Amino acid sequence: MKDTRCGTVQFLYEHYIGNDLEMIEYHKEIRDKLEIGIKINNLRIKAGLTEWQLAEMVDTTADVIEDIIFADYDCDYSELVNRIINTLEHIIDASVSIPNWPESRRFART
């Protein structure tokens, strides 16, 4: 069976966006926002945080985090997005650098 998804997407792109420079720019903006949202969501999951926990850490709400993840916003969140990514990368880097001590040595007194 032939996969027609690519042809369908191509048709929709050509039909609704075509050579319209404004629509091309809008499409690029949405695509960029989605890529950022995917990166943030993947980092959040890797850090083991809920949207609510992440929101608390960067001083915003879980609704705003969700809006960024789903690229559902019109205002300029660039400062917040940078803060979110930096926070998540710091958490992940810190967790990687902590040695994995055996359970028997974790609370041993010296």
N, C-alpha and C. Protein backbone atom coordinates (compact mmCIF):
# COMPACT_ATOMS: atom_id res chain seq x y z
N MET A 1 0.84 -1.18 0.00
CA MET A 1 0.00 0.00 0.00
C MET A 1 0.89 1.25 0.00
N LYS A 2 0.57 2.17 -0.86
CA LYS A 2 1.37 3.38 -1.01
C LYS A 2 1.06 4.37 0.11
N ASP A 3 2.14 4.94 0.69
CA ASP A 3 1.99 5.96 1.74
C ASP A 3 1.71 7.29 1.06
N THR A 4 0.51 7.82 1.27
CA THR A 4 0.12 9.07 0.61
C THR A 4 0.25 10.29 1.51
N ARG A 5 0.76 10.09 2.74
CA ARG A 5 0.86 11.22 3.67
C ARG A 5 1.75 12.33 3.12
N CYS A 6 2.90 11.96 2.57
CA CYS A 6 3.82 12.98 2.04
C CYS A 6 3.17 13.75 0.90
N GLY A 7 2.49 13.04 0.03
CA GLY A 7 1.80 13.70 -1.08
C GLY A 7 0.69 14.62 -0.58
N THR A 8 -0.02 14.20 0.44
CA THR A 8 -1.09 15.01 1.02
C THR A 8 -0.52 16.27 1.66
N VAL A 9 0.55 16.10 2.42
CA VAL A 9 1.17 17.27 3.06
C VAL A 9 1.68 18.22 2.00
N GLN A 10 2.30 17.70 0.97
CA GLN A 10 2.82 18.54 -0.12
C GLN A 10 1.67 19.29 -0.79
N PHE A 11 0.57 18.61 -1.05
CA PHE A 11 -0.59 19.25 -1.66
C PHE A 11 -1.12 20.38 -0.78
N LEU A 12 -1.26 20.11 0.51
CA LEU A 12 -1.76 21.13 1.43
C LEU A 12 -0.82 22.33 1.50
N TYR A 13 0.48 22.05 1.54
CA TYR A 13 1.47 23.14 1.58
C TYR A 13 1.34 24.00 0.33
N GLU A 14 1.33 23.35 -0.83
CA GLU A 14 1.23 24.09 -2.09
C GLU A 14 -0.09 24.84 -2.21
N HIS A 15 -1.17 24.23 -1.73
CA HIS A 15 -2.51 24.85 -1.85
C HIS A 15 -2.68 26.04 -0.90
N TYR A 16 -2.25 25.88 0.36
CA TYR A 16 -2.51 26.92 1.35
C TYR A 16 -1.35 27.90 1.54
N ILE A 17 -0.14 27.48 1.21
CA ILE A 17 1.01 28.36 1.41
C ILE A 17 1.58 28.81 0.07
N GLY A 18 1.86 27.85 -0.77
CA GLY A 18 2.33 28.17 -2.11
C GLY A 18 3.51 29.12 -2.12
N ASN A 19 3.38 30.21 -2.89
CA ASN A 19 4.44 31.21 -3.00
C ASN A 19 4.14 32.46 -2.20
N ASP A 20 3.16 32.39 -1.32
CA ASP A 20 2.79 33.54 -0.49
C ASP A 20 3.88 33.75 0.56
N LEU A 21 4.67 34.81 0.40
CA LEU A 21 5.81 35.06 1.29
C LEU A 21 5.39 35.19 2.75
N GLU A 22 4.25 35.80 3.00
CA GLU A 22 3.76 35.95 4.37
C GLU A 22 3.43 34.59 4.98
N MET A 23 2.80 33.72 4.20
CA MET A 23 2.46 32.39 4.69
C MET A 23 3.71 31.52 4.86
N ILE A 24 4.69 31.68 3.96
CA ILE A 24 5.94 30.95 4.10
C ILE A 24 6.63 31.33 5.40
N GLU A 25 6.67 32.62 5.71
CA GLU A 25 7.30 33.09 6.94
C GLU A 25 6.52 32.58 8.17
N TYR A 26 5.19 32.62 8.10
CA TYR A 26 4.36 32.13 9.20
C TYR A 26 4.61 30.63 9.43
N HIS A 27 4.66 29.86 8.35
CA HIS A 27 4.92 28.43 8.44
C HIS A 27 6.27 28.16 9.09
N LYS A 28 7.29 28.91 8.71
CA LYS A 28 8.63 28.77 9.30
C LYS A 28 8.60 29.09 10.79
N GLU A 29 7.88 30.15 11.16
CA GLU A 29 7.77 30.54 12.57
C GLU A 29 7.12 29.43 13.39
N ILE A 30 6.05 28.87 12.89
CA ILE A 30 5.35 27.79 13.60
C ILE A 30 6.25 26.56 13.70
N ARG A 31 6.93 26.22 12.62
CA ARG A 31 7.84 25.08 12.63
C ARG A 31 8.95 25.27 13.66
N ASP A 32 9.51 26.48 13.72
CA ASP A 32 10.56 26.78 14.70
C ASP A 32 10.03 26.66 16.13
N LYS A 33 8.83 27.18 16.37
CA LYS A 33 8.23 27.08 17.71
C LYS A 33 8.00 25.62 18.10
N LEU A 34 7.54 24.81 17.14
CA LEU A 34 7.32 23.39 17.42
C LEU A 34 8.63 22.67 17.74
N GLU A 35 9.69 23.00 17.02
CA GLU A 35 10.99 22.38 17.31
C GLU A 35 11.47 22.74 18.71
N ILE A 36 11.27 24.00 19.11
CA ILE A 36 11.64 24.43 20.46
C ILE A 36 10.79 23.69 21.49
N GLY A 37 9.49 23.59 21.23
CA GLY A 37 8.59 22.89 22.14
C GLY A 37 8.97 21.43 22.31
N ILE A 38 9.33 20.78 21.22
CA ILE A 38 9.75 19.37 21.28
C ILE A 38 11.03 19.26 22.11
N LYS A 39 11.98 20.16 21.88
CA LYS A 39 13.24 20.12 22.64
C LYS A 39 12.97 20.30 24.13
N ILE A 40 12.14 21.28 24.48
CA ILE A 40 11.83 21.52 25.89
C ILE A 40 11.13 20.32 26.51
N ASN A 41 10.18 19.75 25.80
CA ASN A 41 9.46 18.60 26.35
C ASN A 41 10.38 17.41 26.53
N ASN A 42 11.26 17.15 25.56
CA ASN A 42 12.21 16.04 25.69
C ASN A 42 13.16 16.26 26.86
N LEU A 43 13.66 17.49 27.02
CA LEU A 43 14.55 17.79 28.14
C LEU A 43 13.81 17.67 29.48
N ARG A 44 12.56 18.12 29.51
CA ARG A 44 11.75 18.05 30.74
C ARG A 44 11.57 16.60 31.16
N ILE A 45 11.25 15.76 30.21
CA ILE A 45 11.06 14.34 30.50
C ILE A 45 12.38 13.72 30.96
N LYS A 46 13.47 14.05 30.26
CA LYS A 46 14.78 13.52 30.63
C LYS A 46 15.18 13.94 32.04
N ALA A 47 14.78 15.17 32.43
CA ALA A 47 15.08 15.67 33.78
C ALA A 47 14.14 15.08 34.82
N GLY A 48 13.08 14.40 34.39
CA GLY A 48 12.15 13.77 35.32
C GLY A 48 11.21 14.75 35.99
N LEU A 49 10.87 15.84 35.28
CA LEU A 49 10.01 16.87 35.85
C LEU A 49 8.64 16.88 35.19
N THR A 50 7.64 17.26 35.98
CA THR A 50 6.32 17.53 35.41
C THR A 50 6.33 18.96 34.88
N GLU A 51 5.32 19.31 34.09
CA GLU A 51 5.21 20.69 33.61
C GLU A 51 5.06 21.64 34.80
N TRP A 52 4.32 21.21 35.81
CA TRP A 52 4.12 22.05 36.99
C TRP A 52 5.43 22.29 37.72
N GLN A 53 6.24 21.23 37.90
CA GLN A 53 7.52 21.37 38.59
C GLN A 53 8.46 22.30 37.82
N LEU A 54 8.50 22.13 36.50
CA LEU A 54 9.33 23.00 35.68
C LEU A 54 8.87 24.45 35.78
N ALA A 55 7.57 24.66 35.75
CA ALA A 55 7.02 26.01 35.85
C ALA A 55 7.44 26.68 37.15
N GLU A 56 7.39 25.92 38.25
CA GLU A 56 7.82 26.46 39.55
C GLU A 56 9.28 26.89 39.51
N MET A 57 10.11 26.12 38.84
CA MET A 57 11.54 26.39 38.80
C MET A 57 11.88 27.64 37.99
N VAL A 58 11.07 27.95 36.99
CA VAL A 58 11.37 29.10 36.12
C VAL A 58 10.39 30.25 36.35
N ASP A 59 9.63 30.16 37.42
CA ASP A 59 8.73 31.24 37.84
C ASP A 59 7.68 31.59 36.79
N THR A 60 6.94 30.56 36.37
CA THR A 60 5.81 30.77 35.47
C THR A 60 4.73 29.75 35.83
N THR A 61 3.78 29.54 34.96
CA THR A 61 2.70 28.58 35.24
C THR A 61 2.83 27.36 34.33
N ALA A 62 2.20 26.28 34.74
CA ALA A 62 2.20 25.06 33.93
C ALA A 62 1.47 25.31 32.60
N ASP A 63 0.48 26.20 32.60
CA ASP A 63 -0.23 26.53 31.36
C ASP A 63 0.70 27.17 30.34
N VAL A 64 1.59 28.04 30.81
CA VAL A 64 2.55 28.69 29.91
C VAL A 64 3.53 27.65 29.36
N ILE A 65 4.00 26.75 30.23
CA ILE A 65 4.89 25.68 29.78
C ILE A 65 4.21 24.85 28.70
N GLU A 66 2.96 24.49 28.93
CA GLU A 66 2.20 23.71 27.95
C GLU A 66 2.04 24.48 26.64
N ASP A 67 1.74 25.77 26.73
CA ASP A 67 1.61 26.59 25.52
C ASP A 67 2.91 26.60 24.72
N ILE A 68 4.04 26.70 25.40
CA ILE A 68 5.33 26.70 24.71
C ILE A 68 5.59 25.34 24.08
N ILE A 69 5.30 24.27 24.79
CA ILE A 69 5.52 22.92 24.26
C ILE A 69 4.69 22.68 23.01
N PHE A 70 3.46 23.18 22.99
CA PHE A 70 2.57 22.97 21.84
C PHE A 70 2.59 24.13 20.85
N ALA A 71 3.54 25.06 21.02
CA ALA A 71 3.70 26.20 20.11
C ALA A 71 2.41 27.00 19.98
N ASP A 72 1.70 27.13 21.08
CA ASP A 72 0.40 27.80 21.08
C ASP A 72 0.50 29.15 21.79
N TYR A 73 1.31 30.04 21.23
CA TYR A 73 1.46 31.36 21.84
C TYR A 73 1.83 32.37 20.75
N ASP A 74 1.46 33.62 21.00
CA ASP A 74 1.72 34.68 20.05
C ASP A 74 2.71 35.72 20.57
N CYS A 75 2.93 35.75 21.87
CA CYS A 75 3.83 36.75 22.43
C CYS A 75 5.28 36.27 22.37
N ASP A 76 6.20 37.15 22.72
CA ASP A 76 7.62 36.83 22.66
C ASP A 76 8.05 36.18 23.98
N TYR A 77 8.26 34.88 23.93
CA TYR A 77 8.68 34.12 25.10
C TYR A 77 10.17 33.79 25.03
N SER A 78 10.93 34.48 24.19
CA SER A 78 12.33 34.07 23.97
C SER A 78 13.14 34.06 25.25
N GLU A 79 12.97 35.05 26.12
CA GLU A 79 13.71 35.08 27.38
C GLU A 79 13.32 33.89 28.25
N LEU A 80 12.02 33.63 28.35
CA LEU A 80 11.54 32.50 29.15
C LEU A 80 11.99 31.17 28.56
N VAL A 81 11.92 31.04 27.24
CA VAL A 81 12.36 29.80 26.59
C VAL A 81 13.83 29.55 26.88
N ASN A 82 14.65 30.58 26.78
CA ASN A 82 16.08 30.43 27.10
C ASN A 82 16.29 30.03 28.55
N ARG A 83 15.52 30.62 29.46
CA ARG A 83 15.62 30.28 30.88
C ARG A 83 15.22 28.83 31.12
N ILE A 84 14.16 28.38 30.46
CA ILE A 84 13.69 27.00 30.59
C ILE A 84 14.76 26.03 30.11
N ILE A 85 15.28 26.27 28.91
CA ILE A 85 16.29 25.37 28.34
C ILE A 85 17.54 25.35 29.20
N ASN A 86 18.00 26.51 29.64
CA ASN A 86 19.20 26.56 30.50
C ASN A 86 18.98 25.81 31.80
N THR A 87 17.80 25.98 32.41
CA THR A 87 17.48 25.28 33.66
C THR A 87 17.48 23.77 33.44
N LEU A 88 16.83 23.31 32.40
CA LEU A 88 16.75 21.88 32.12
C LEU A 88 18.12 21.29 31.81
N GLU A 89 18.90 21.99 31.00
CA GLU A 89 20.24 21.48 30.67
C GLU A 89 21.11 21.42 31.92
N HIS A 90 20.97 22.40 32.81
CA HIS A 90 21.73 22.40 34.06
C HIS A 90 21.34 21.20 34.93
N ILE A 91 20.05 20.92 35.04
CA ILE A 91 19.57 19.79 35.84
C ILE A 91 20.10 18.47 35.26
N ILE A 92 20.03 18.35 33.95
CA ILE A 92 20.47 17.11 33.31
C ILE A 92 21.98 16.95 33.45
N ASP A 93 22.74 18.02 33.24
CA ASP A 93 24.20 17.96 33.40
C ASP A 93 24.57 17.60 34.84
N ALA A 94 23.88 18.18 35.80
CA ALA A 94 24.16 17.90 37.21
C ALA A 94 23.87 16.44 37.54
N SER A 95 22.78 15.90 37.01
CA SER A 95 22.43 14.52 37.32
C SER A 95 23.40 13.55 36.67
N VAL A 96 23.97 13.93 35.55
CA VAL A 96 24.93 13.06 34.88
C VAL A 96 26.25 13.06 35.63
N SER A 97 26.62 14.19 36.23
CA SER A 97 27.92 14.29 36.88
C SER A 97 27.95 13.69 38.29
N ILE A 98 26.79 13.34 38.85
CA ILE A 98 26.75 12.73 40.18
C ILE A 98 27.14 11.27 40.05
N PRO A 99 28.15 10.82 40.83
CA PRO A 99 28.56 9.42 40.71
C PRO A 99 27.45 8.49 41.18
N ASN A 100 27.38 7.34 40.57
CA ASN A 100 26.37 6.35 40.90
C ASN A 100 26.94 5.41 41.96
N TRP A 101 26.86 5.85 43.21
CA TRP A 101 27.38 5.05 44.32
C TRP A 101 26.49 3.85 44.58
N PRO A 102 27.09 2.73 44.97
CA PRO A 102 26.26 1.58 45.37
C PRO A 102 25.39 1.96 46.56
N GLU A 103 24.22 1.39 46.65
CA GLU A 103 23.26 1.71 47.71
C GLU A 103 23.88 1.55 49.09
N SER A 104 24.74 0.55 49.25
CA SER A 104 25.33 0.29 50.58
C SER A 104 26.30 1.38 51.02
N ARG A 105 26.84 2.18 50.11
CA ARG A 105 27.80 3.20 50.47
C ARG A 105 27.20 4.59 50.55
N ARG A 106 25.97 4.77 50.11
CA ARG A 106 25.38 6.10 50.04
C ARG A 106 25.30 6.79 51.38
N PHE A 107 24.90 6.08 52.41
CA PHE A 107 24.72 6.71 53.70
C PHE A 107 25.72 6.21 54.74
N ALA A 108 26.81 5.63 54.26
CA ALA A 108 27.82 5.12 55.18
C ALA A 108 28.57 6.28 55.84
N ARG A 109 28.83 6.15 57.13
CA ARG A 109 29.61 7.16 57.84
C ARG A 109 31.07 6.85 57.69
N THR A 110 31.86 7.90 57.60
CA THR A 110 33.31 7.71 57.48
C THR A 110 33.99 8.08 58.77
